[in-house]
Amino acid sequence: MNPRVKNVKPEQDYTLLITFNNGEHKLFDVKPYLSKGLFASLKDNNLFRRVKPFNGSILWPGDLDLCPDTLYEDSVKV
């Protein structure tokens, strides 16, 4: 099982700075998701910035979330 999200900070360029429970800090790019289904609503920067850590993953209002394994595997170390 991959590490889980401990903290998340939205950045200006639709990326997320994520701290995982193993101490790693990684950057996840949300831009590829912004043209897909419900994720298009995250183009609203005010909504995008309301992301919070939740149960080892992340959550936006409206129960919009991403798989914690995707967040870990598809992000880059910083």
PDB file of N, CA and C in Angstrom:
ATOM      1  N   MET A   1       0.841  -1.179   0.000  1.00  0.00           N
ATOM      2  CA  MET A   1       0.000   0.000   0.000  1.00  0.00           C
ATOM      3  C   MET A   1       0.891   1.250   0.000  1.00  0.00           C
ATOM      4  N   ASN A   2       0.543   2.212  -0.812  1.00  0.00           N
ATOM      5  CA  ASN A   2       1.282   3.462  -0.897  1.00  0.00           C
ATOM      6  C   ASN A   2       0.991   4.341   0.316  1.00  0.00           C
ATOM      7  N   PRO A   3       1.891   5.292   0.590  1.00  0.00           N
ATOM      8  CA  PRO A   3       1.645   6.247   1.672  1.00  0.00           C
ATOM      9  C   PRO A   3       0.352   7.022   1.426  1.00  0.00           C
ATOM     10  N   ARG A   4      -0.179   7.571   2.491  1.00  0.00           N
ATOM     11  CA  ARG A   4      -1.430   8.324   2.423  1.00  0.00           C
ATOM     12  C   ARG A   4      -1.179   9.805   2.686  1.00  0.00           C
ATOM     13  N   VAL A   5      -2.096  10.635   2.235  1.00  0.00           N
ATOM     14  CA  VAL A   5      -1.981  12.083   2.349  1.00  0.00           C
ATOM     15  C   VAL A   5      -2.114  12.509   3.811  1.00  0.00           C
ATOM     16  N   LYS A   6      -1.157  13.328   4.230  1.00  0.00           N
ATOM     17  CA  LYS A   6      -1.201  13.911   5.568  1.00  0.00           C
ATOM     18  C   LYS A   6      -1.631  15.376   5.489  1.00  0.00           C
ATOM     19  N   ASN A   7      -1.142  16.071   4.444  1.00  0.00           N
ATOM     20  CA  ASN A   7      -1.472  17.475   4.259  1.00  0.00           C
ATOM     21  C   ASN A   7      -1.446  17.806   2.769  1.00  0.00           C
ATOM     22  N   VAL A   8      -2.225  18.809   2.386  1.00  0.00           N
ATOM     23  CA  VAL A   8      -2.262  19.239   0.988  1.00  0.00           C
ATOM     24  C   VAL A   8      -2.345  20.757   0.937  1.00  0.00           C
ATOM     25  N   LYS A   9      -1.580  21.334  -0.001  1.00  0.00           N
ATOM     26  CA  LYS A   9      -1.593  22.781  -0.201  1.00  0.00           C
ATOM     27  C   LYS A   9      -1.791  23.063  -1.683  1.00  0.00           C
ATOM     28  N   PRO A  10      -2.879  23.755  -2.042  1.00  0.00           N
ATOM     29  CA  PRO A  10      -3.083  24.101  -3.452  1.00  0.00           C
ATOM     30  C   PRO A  10      -2.111  25.194  -3.883  1.00  0.00           C
ATOM     31  N   GLU A  11      -1.572  25.050  -5.082  1.00  0.00           N
ATOM     32  CA  GLU A  11      -0.657  26.036  -5.646  1.00  0.00           C
ATOM     33  C   GLU A  11      -1.378  26.812  -6.748  1.00  0.00           C
ATOM     34  N   GLN A  12      -0.775  27.897  -7.215  1.00  0.00           N
ATOM     35  CA  GLN A  12      -1.402  28.783  -8.202  1.00  0.00           C
ATOM     36  C   GLN A  12      -1.614  28.138  -9.568  1.00  0.00           C
ATOM     37  N   ASP A  13      -0.824  27.168  -9.928  1.00  0.00           N
ATOM     38  CA  ASP A  13      -0.853  26.607 -11.277  1.00  0.00           C
ATOM     39  C   ASP A  13      -1.609  25.280 -11.369  1.00  0.00           C
ATOM     40  N   TYR A  14      -2.638  25.123 -10.530  1.00  0.00           N
ATOM     41  CA  TYR A  14      -3.438  23.895 -10.497  1.00  0.00           C
ATOM     42  C   TYR A  14      -2.605  22.658 -10.185  1.00  0.00           C
ATOM     43  N   THR A  15      -1.642  22.862  -9.304  1.00  0.00           N
ATOM     44  CA  THR A  15      -0.903  21.730  -8.758  1.00  0.00           C
ATOM     45  C   THR A  15      -1.166  21.697  -7.258  1.00  0.00           C
ATOM     46  N   LEU A  16      -0.901  20.545  -6.675  1.00  0.00           N
ATOM     47  CA  LEU A  16      -1.079  20.357  -5.236  1.00  0.00           C
ATOM     48  C   LEU A  16       0.252  19.936  -4.636  1.00  0.00           C
ATOM     49  N   LEU A  17       0.674  20.627  -3.607  1.00  0.00           N
ATOM     50  CA  LEU A  17       1.840  20.220  -2.841  1.00  0.00           C
ATOM     51  C   LEU A  17       1.329  19.312  -1.733  1.00  0.00           C
ATOM     52  N   ILE A  18       1.705  18.046  -1.808  1.00  0.00           N
ATOM     53  CA  ILE A  18       1.157  17.038  -0.896  1.00  0.00           C
ATOM     54  C   ILE A  18       2.257  16.516   0.011  1.00  0.00           C
ATOM     55  N   THR A  19       1.951  16.451   1.307  1.00  0.00           N
ATOM     56  CA  THR A  19       2.815  15.789   2.268  1.00  0.00           C
ATOM     57  C   THR A  19       2.174  14.448   2.591  1.00  0.00           C
ATOM     58  N   PHE A  20       2.958  13.397   2.421  1.00  0.00           N
ATOM     59  CA  PHE A  20       2.467  12.045   2.698  1.00  0.00           C
ATOM     60  C   PHE A  20       2.906  11.605   4.095  1.00  0.00           C
ATOM     61  N   ASN A  21       2.240  10.580   4.611  1.00  0.00           N
ATOM     62  CA  ASN A  21       2.505  10.138   5.978  1.00  0.00           C
ATOM     63  C   ASN A  21       3.864   9.464   6.153  1.00  0.00           C
ATOM     64  N   ASN A  22       4.614   9.295   5.081  1.00  0.00           N
ATOM     65  CA  ASN A  22       5.977   8.779   5.186  1.00  0.00           C
ATOM     66  C   ASN A  22       7.004   9.920   5.181  1.00  0.00           C
ATOM     67  N   GLY A  23       6.504  11.177   5.182  1.00  0.00           N
ATOM     68  CA  GLY A  23       7.366  12.345   5.209  1.00  0.00           C
ATOM     69  C   GLY A  23       7.725  12.911   3.850  1.00  0.00           C
ATOM     70  N   GLU A  24       7.358  12.218   2.777  1.00  0.00           N
ATOM     71  CA  GLU A  24       7.664  12.719   1.431  1.00  0.00           C
ATOM     72  C   GLU A  24       6.781  13.913   1.081  1.00  0.00           C
ATOM     73  N   HIS A  25       7.369  14.837   0.322  1.00  0.00           N
ATOM     74  CA  HIS A  25       6.648  15.983  -0.225  1.00  0.00           C
ATOM     75  C   HIS A  25       6.660  15.807  -1.742  1.00  0.00           C
ATOM     76  N   LYS A  26       5.466  15.839  -2.336  1.00  0.00           N
ATOM     77  CA  LYS A  26       5.370  15.624  -3.772  1.00  0.00           C
ATOM     78  C   LYS A  26       4.397  16.628  -4.374  1.00  0.00           C
ATOM     79  N   LEU A  27       4.557  16.869  -5.673  1.00  0.00           N
ATOM     80  CA  LEU A  27       3.711  17.798  -6.407  1.00  0.00           C
ATOM     81  C   LEU A  27       2.847  17.013  -7.381  1.00  0.00           C
ATOM     82  N   PHE A  28       1.540  17.224  -7.293  1.00  0.00           N
ATOM     83  CA  PHE A  28       0.587  16.544  -8.162  1.00  0.00           C
ATOM     84  C   PHE A  28      -0.055  17.572  -9.084  1.00  0.00           C
ATOM     85  N   ASP A  29      -0.017  17.314 -10.386  1.00  0.00           N
ATOM     86  CA  ASP A  29      -0.580  18.215 -11.395  1.00  0.00           C
ATOM     87  C   ASP A  29      -2.029  17.838 -11.672  1.00  0.00           C
ATOM     88  N   VAL A  30      -2.948  18.730 -11.359  1.00  0.00           N
ATOM     89  CA  VAL A  30      -4.378  18.482 -11.556  1.00  0.00           C
ATOM     90  C   VAL A  30      -4.824  18.886 -12.960  1.00  0.00           C
ATOM     91  N   LYS A  31      -4.021  19.663 -13.689  1.00  0.00           N
ATOM     92  CA  LYS A  31      -4.440  20.183 -14.999  1.00  0.00           C
ATOM     93  C   LYS A  31      -4.970  19.118 -15.961  1.00  0.00           C
ATOM     94  N   PRO A  32      -4.370  17.930 -16.059  1.00  0.00           N
ATOM     95  CA  PRO A  32      -4.914  16.928 -16.985  1.00  0.00           C
ATOM     96  C   PRO A  32      -6.339  16.478 -16.649  1.00  0.00           C
ATOM     97  N   TYR A  33      -6.777  16.699 -15.429  1.00  0.00           N
ATOM     98  CA  TYR A  33      -8.112  16.282 -15.003  1.00  0.00           C
ATOM     99  C   TYR A  33      -9.173  17.354 -15.242  1.00  0.00           C
ATOM    100  N   LEU A  34      -8.744  18.584 -15.499  1.00  0.00           N
ATOM    101  CA  LEU A  34      -9.681  19.707 -15.574  1.00  0.00           C
ATOM    102  C   LEU A  34     -10.634  19.648 -16.756  1.00  0.00           C
ATOM    103  N   SER A  35     -10.394  18.779 -17.698  1.00  0.00           N
ATOM    104  CA  SER A  35     -11.302  18.649 -18.846  1.00  0.00           C
ATOM    105  C   SER A  35     -12.151  17.385 -18.747  1.00  0.00           C
ATOM    106  N   LYS A  36     -12.120  16.725 -17.601  1.00  0.00           N
ATOM    107  CA  LYS A  36     -12.812  15.448 -17.439  1.00  0.00           C
ATOM    108  C   LYS A  36     -13.964  15.542 -16.442  1.00  0.00           C
ATOM    109  N   GLY A  37     -15.170  15.380 -16.934  1.00  0.00           N
ATOM    110  CA  GLY A  37     -16.353  15.259 -16.080  1.00  0.00           C
ATOM    111  C   GLY A  37     -16.455  16.289 -14.981  1.00  0.00           C
ATOM    112  N   LEU A  38     -16.687  15.810 -13.763  1.00  0.00           N
ATOM    113  CA  LEU A  38     -16.887  16.692 -12.627  1.00  0.00           C
ATOM    114  C   LEU A  38     -15.647  17.510 -12.278  1.00  0.00           C
ATOM    115  N   PHE A  39     -14.476  17.023 -12.671  1.00  0.00           N
ATOM    116  CA  PHE A  39     -13.245  17.751 -12.360  1.00  0.00           C
ATOM    117  C   PHE A  39     -13.182  19.099 -13.071  1.00  0.00           C
ATOM    118  N   ALA A  40     -13.965  19.294 -14.127  1.00  0.00           N
ATOM    119  CA  ALA A  40     -13.987  20.580 -14.834  1.00  0.00           C
ATOM    120  C   ALA A  40     -14.383  21.715 -13.894  1.00  0.00           C
ATOM    121  N   SER A  41     -15.162  21.403 -12.869  1.00  0.00           N
ATOM    122  CA  SER A  41     -15.577  22.443 -11.910  1.00  0.00           C
ATOM    123  C   SER A  41     -14.383  23.016 -11.152  1.00  0.00           C
ATOM    124  N   LEU A  42     -13.263  22.282 -11.123  1.00  0.00           N
ATOM    125  CA  LEU A  42     -12.078  22.760 -10.412  1.00  0.00           C
ATOM    126  C   LEU A  42     -11.350  23.873 -11.168  1.00  0.00           C
ATOM    127  N   LYS A  43     -11.790  24.176 -12.391  1.00  0.00           N
ATOM    128  CA  LYS A  43     -11.237  25.332 -13.105  1.00  0.00           C
ATOM    129  C   LYS A  43     -11.537  26.614 -12.339  1.00  0.00           C
ATOM    130  N   ASP A  44     -12.591  26.571 -11.529  1.00  0.00           N
ATOM    131  CA  ASP A  44     -12.899  27.686 -10.632  1.00  0.00           C
ATOM    132  C   ASP A  44     -11.839  27.670  -9.523  1.00  0.00           C
ATOM    133  N   ASN A  45     -10.934  28.626  -9.573  1.00  0.00           N
ATOM    134  CA  ASN A  45      -9.808  28.651  -8.645  1.00  0.00           C
ATOM    135  C   ASN A  45     -10.258  28.703  -7.187  1.00  0.00           C
ATOM    136  N   ASN A  46     -11.367  29.379  -6.919  1.00  0.00           N
ATOM    137  CA  ASN A  46     -11.869  29.429  -5.550  1.00  0.00           C
ATOM    138  C   ASN A  46     -12.244  28.041  -5.053  1.00  0.00           C
ATOM    139  N   LEU A  47     -12.844  27.236  -5.896  1.00  0.00           N
ATOM    140  CA  LEU A  47     -13.177  25.861  -5.525  1.00  0.00           C
ATOM    141  C   LEU A  47     -11.911  25.017  -5.428  1.00  0.00           C
ATOM    142  N   PHE A  48     -11.021  25.149  -6.389  1.00  0.00           N
ATOM    143  CA  PHE A  48      -9.783  24.371  -6.384  1.00  0.00           C
ATOM    144  C   PHE A  48      -9.022  24.569  -5.076  1.00  0.00           C
ATOM    145  N   ARG A  49      -8.968  25.787  -4.589  1.00  0.00           N
ATOM    146  CA  ARG A  49      -8.201  26.116  -3.391  1.00  0.00           C
ATOM    147  C   ARG A  49      -8.850  25.600  -2.102  1.00  0.00           C
ATOM    148  N   ARG A  50     -10.035  25.066  -2.175  1.00  0.00           N
ATOM    149  CA  ARG A  50     -10.729  24.564  -0.979  1.00  0.00           C
ATOM    150  C   ARG A  50     -10.445  23.085  -0.701  1.00  0.00           C
ATOM    151  N   VAL A  51      -9.449  22.518  -1.335  1.00  0.00           N
ATOM    152  CA  VAL A  51      -9.073  21.119  -1.139  1.00  0.00           C
ATOM    153  C   VAL A  51      -8.572  20.912   0.291  1.00  0.00           C
ATOM    154  N   LYS A  52      -8.881  19.740   0.840  1.00  0.00           N
ATOM    155  CA  LYS A  52      -8.449  19.384   2.195  1.00  0.00           C
ATOM    156  C   LYS A  52      -8.041  17.923   2.224  1.00  0.00           C
ATOM    157  N   PRO A  53      -7.154  17.557   3.146  1.00  0.00           N
ATOM    158  CA  PRO A  53      -6.865  16.134   3.330  1.00  0.00           C
ATOM    159  C   PRO A  53      -8.089  15.455   3.948  1.00  0.00           C
ATOM    160  N   PHE A  54      -8.340  14.204   3.542  1.00  0.00           N
ATOM    161  CA  PHE A  54      -9.505  13.484   4.059  1.00  0.00           C
ATOM    162  C   PHE A  54      -9.270  11.979   3.949  1.00  0.00           C
ATOM    163  N   ASN A  55      -9.246  11.299   5.061  1.00  0.00           N
ATOM    164  CA  ASN A  55      -9.112   9.833   5.103  1.00  0.00           C
ATOM    165  C   ASN A  55      -7.955   9.301   4.257  1.00  0.00           C
ATOM    166  N   GLY A  56      -6.811   9.956   4.324  1.00  0.00           N
ATOM    167  CA  GLY A  56      -5.639   9.500   3.585  1.00  0.00           C
ATOM    168  C   GLY A  56      -5.590   9.948   2.141  1.00  0.00           C
ATOM    169  N   SER A  57      -6.576  10.717   1.717  1.00  0.00           N
ATOM    170  CA  SER A  57      -6.620  11.231   0.354  1.00  0.00           C
ATOM    171  C   SER A  57      -6.887  12.729   0.430  1.00  0.00           C
ATOM    172  N   ILE A  58      -7.539  13.271  -0.599  1.00  0.00           N
ATOM    173  CA  ILE A  58      -7.924  14.681  -0.610  1.00  0.00           C
ATOM    174  C   ILE A  58      -9.391  14.777  -0.990  1.00  0.00           C
ATOM    175  N   LEU A  59      -9.995  15.914  -0.635  1.00  0.00           N
ATOM    176  CA  LEU A  59     -11.415  16.092  -0.901  1.00  0.00           C
ATOM    177  C   LEU A  59     -11.707  17.557  -1.155  1.00  0.00           C
ATOM    178  N   TRP A  60     -12.503  17.809  -2.199  1.00  0.00           N
ATOM    179  CA  TRP A  60     -13.045  19.133  -2.462  1.00  0.00           C
ATOM    180  C   TRP A  60     -14.524  19.129  -2.109  1.00  0.00           C
ATOM    181  N   PRO A  61     -15.116  20.309  -1.928  1.00  0.00           N
ATOM    182  CA  PRO A  61     -16.564  20.361  -1.702  1.00  0.00           C
ATOM    183  C   PRO A  61     -17.315  19.640  -2.819  1.00  0.00           C
ATOM    184  N   GLY A  62     -18.422  19.021  -2.475  1.00  0.00           N
ATOM    185  CA  GLY A  62     -19.192  18.245  -3.432  1.00  0.00           C
ATOM    186  C   GLY A  62     -18.716  16.807  -3.521  1.00  0.00           C
ATOM    187  N   ASP A  63     -17.904  16.389  -2.537  1.00  0.00           N
ATOM    188  CA  ASP A  63     -17.378  15.016  -2.487  1.00  0.00           C
ATOM    189  C   ASP A  63     -16.524  14.650  -3.703  1.00  0.00           C
ATOM    190  N   LEU A  64     -15.829  15.610  -4.248  1.00  0.00           N
ATOM    191  CA  LEU A  64     -14.923  15.371  -5.372  1.00  0.00           C
ATOM    192  C   LEU A  64     -13.559  14.991  -4.807  1.00  0.00           C
ATOM    193  N   ASP A  65     -13.072  13.806  -5.181  1.00  0.00           N
ATOM    194  CA  ASP A  65     -11.818  13.327  -4.619  1.00  0.00           C
ATOM    195  C   ASP A  65     -10.990  12.590  -5.661  1.00  0.00           C
ATOM    196  N   LEU A  66      -9.774  12.241  -5.263  1.00  0.00           N
ATOM    197  CA  LEU A  66      -8.884  11.446  -6.107  1.00  0.00           C
ATOM    198  C   LEU A  66      -8.348  10.292  -5.272  1.00  0.00           C
ATOM    199  N   CYS A  67      -8.056   9.205  -5.936  1.00  0.00           N
ATOM    200  CA  CYS A  67      -7.519   8.018  -5.289  1.00  0.00           C
ATOM    201  C   CYS A  67      -6.146   8.342  -4.674  1.00  0.00           C
ATOM    202  N   PRO A  68      -5.925   7.958  -3.412  1.00  0.00           N
ATOM    203  CA  PRO A  68      -4.629   8.248  -2.804  1.00  0.00           C
ATOM    204  C   PRO A  68      -3.464   7.574  -3.519  1.00  0.00           C
ATOM    205  N   ASP A  69      -3.688   6.408  -4.122  1.00  0.00           N
ATOM    206  CA  ASP A  69      -2.616   5.756  -4.880  1.00  0.00           C
ATOM    207  C   ASP A  69      -2.258   6.563  -6.121  1.00  0.00           C
ATOM    208  N   THR A  70      -3.253   7.117  -6.795  1.00  0.00           N
ATOM    209  CA  THR A  70      -3.006   7.980  -7.955  1.00  0.00           C
ATOM    210  C   THR A  70      -2.211   9.206  -7.537  1.00  0.00           C
ATOM    211  N   LEU A  71      -2.606   9.810  -6.427  1.00  0.00           N
ATOM    212  CA  LEU A  71      -1.896  10.995  -5.942  1.00  0.00           C
ATOM    213  C   LEU A  71      -0.428  10.694  -5.691  1.00  0.00           C
ATOM    214  N   TYR A  72      -0.133   9.539  -5.115  1.00  0.00           N
ATOM    215  CA  TYR A  72       1.247   9.198  -4.795  1.00  0.00           C
ATOM    216  C   TYR A  72       2.025   8.810  -6.049  1.00  0.00           C
ATOM    217  N   GLU A  73       1.457   7.939  -6.843  1.00  0.00           N
ATOM    218  CA  GLU A  73       2.178   7.394  -8.002  1.00  0.00           C
ATOM    219  C   GLU A  73       2.361   8.400  -9.132  1.00  0.00           C
ATOM    220  N   ASP A  74       1.419   9.322  -9.291  1.00  0.00           N
ATOM    221  CA  ASP A  74       1.478  10.270 -10.405  1.00  0.00           C
ATOM    222  C   ASP A  74       2.010  11.646 -10.010  1.00  0.00           C
ATOM    223  N   SER A  75       2.607  11.749  -8.846  1.00  0.00           N
ATOM    224  CA  SER A  75       3.192  13.012  -8.426  1.00  0.00           C
ATOM    225  C   SER A  75       4.715  12.906  -8.467  1.00  0.00           C
ATOM    226  N   VAL A  76       5.361  14.069  -8.420  1.00  0.00           N
ATOM    227  CA  VAL A  76       6.817  14.109  -8.483  1.00  0.00           C
ATOM    228  C   VAL A  76       7.376  14.659  -7.174  1.00  0.00           C
ATOM    229  N   LYS A  77       8.505  14.117  -6.759  1.00  0.00           N
ATOM    230  CA  LYS A  77       9.148  14.582  -5.527  1.00  0.00           C
ATOM    231  C   LYS A  77       9.626  16.014  -5.682  1.00  0.00           C
ATOM    232  N   VAL A  78       9.515  16.758  -4.590  1.00  0.00           N
ATOM    233  CA  VAL A  78      10.046  18.129  -4.557  1.00  0.00           C
ATOM    234  C   VAL A  78      11.062  18.253  -3.441  1.00  0.00           C
TER     235      VAL A  78
END
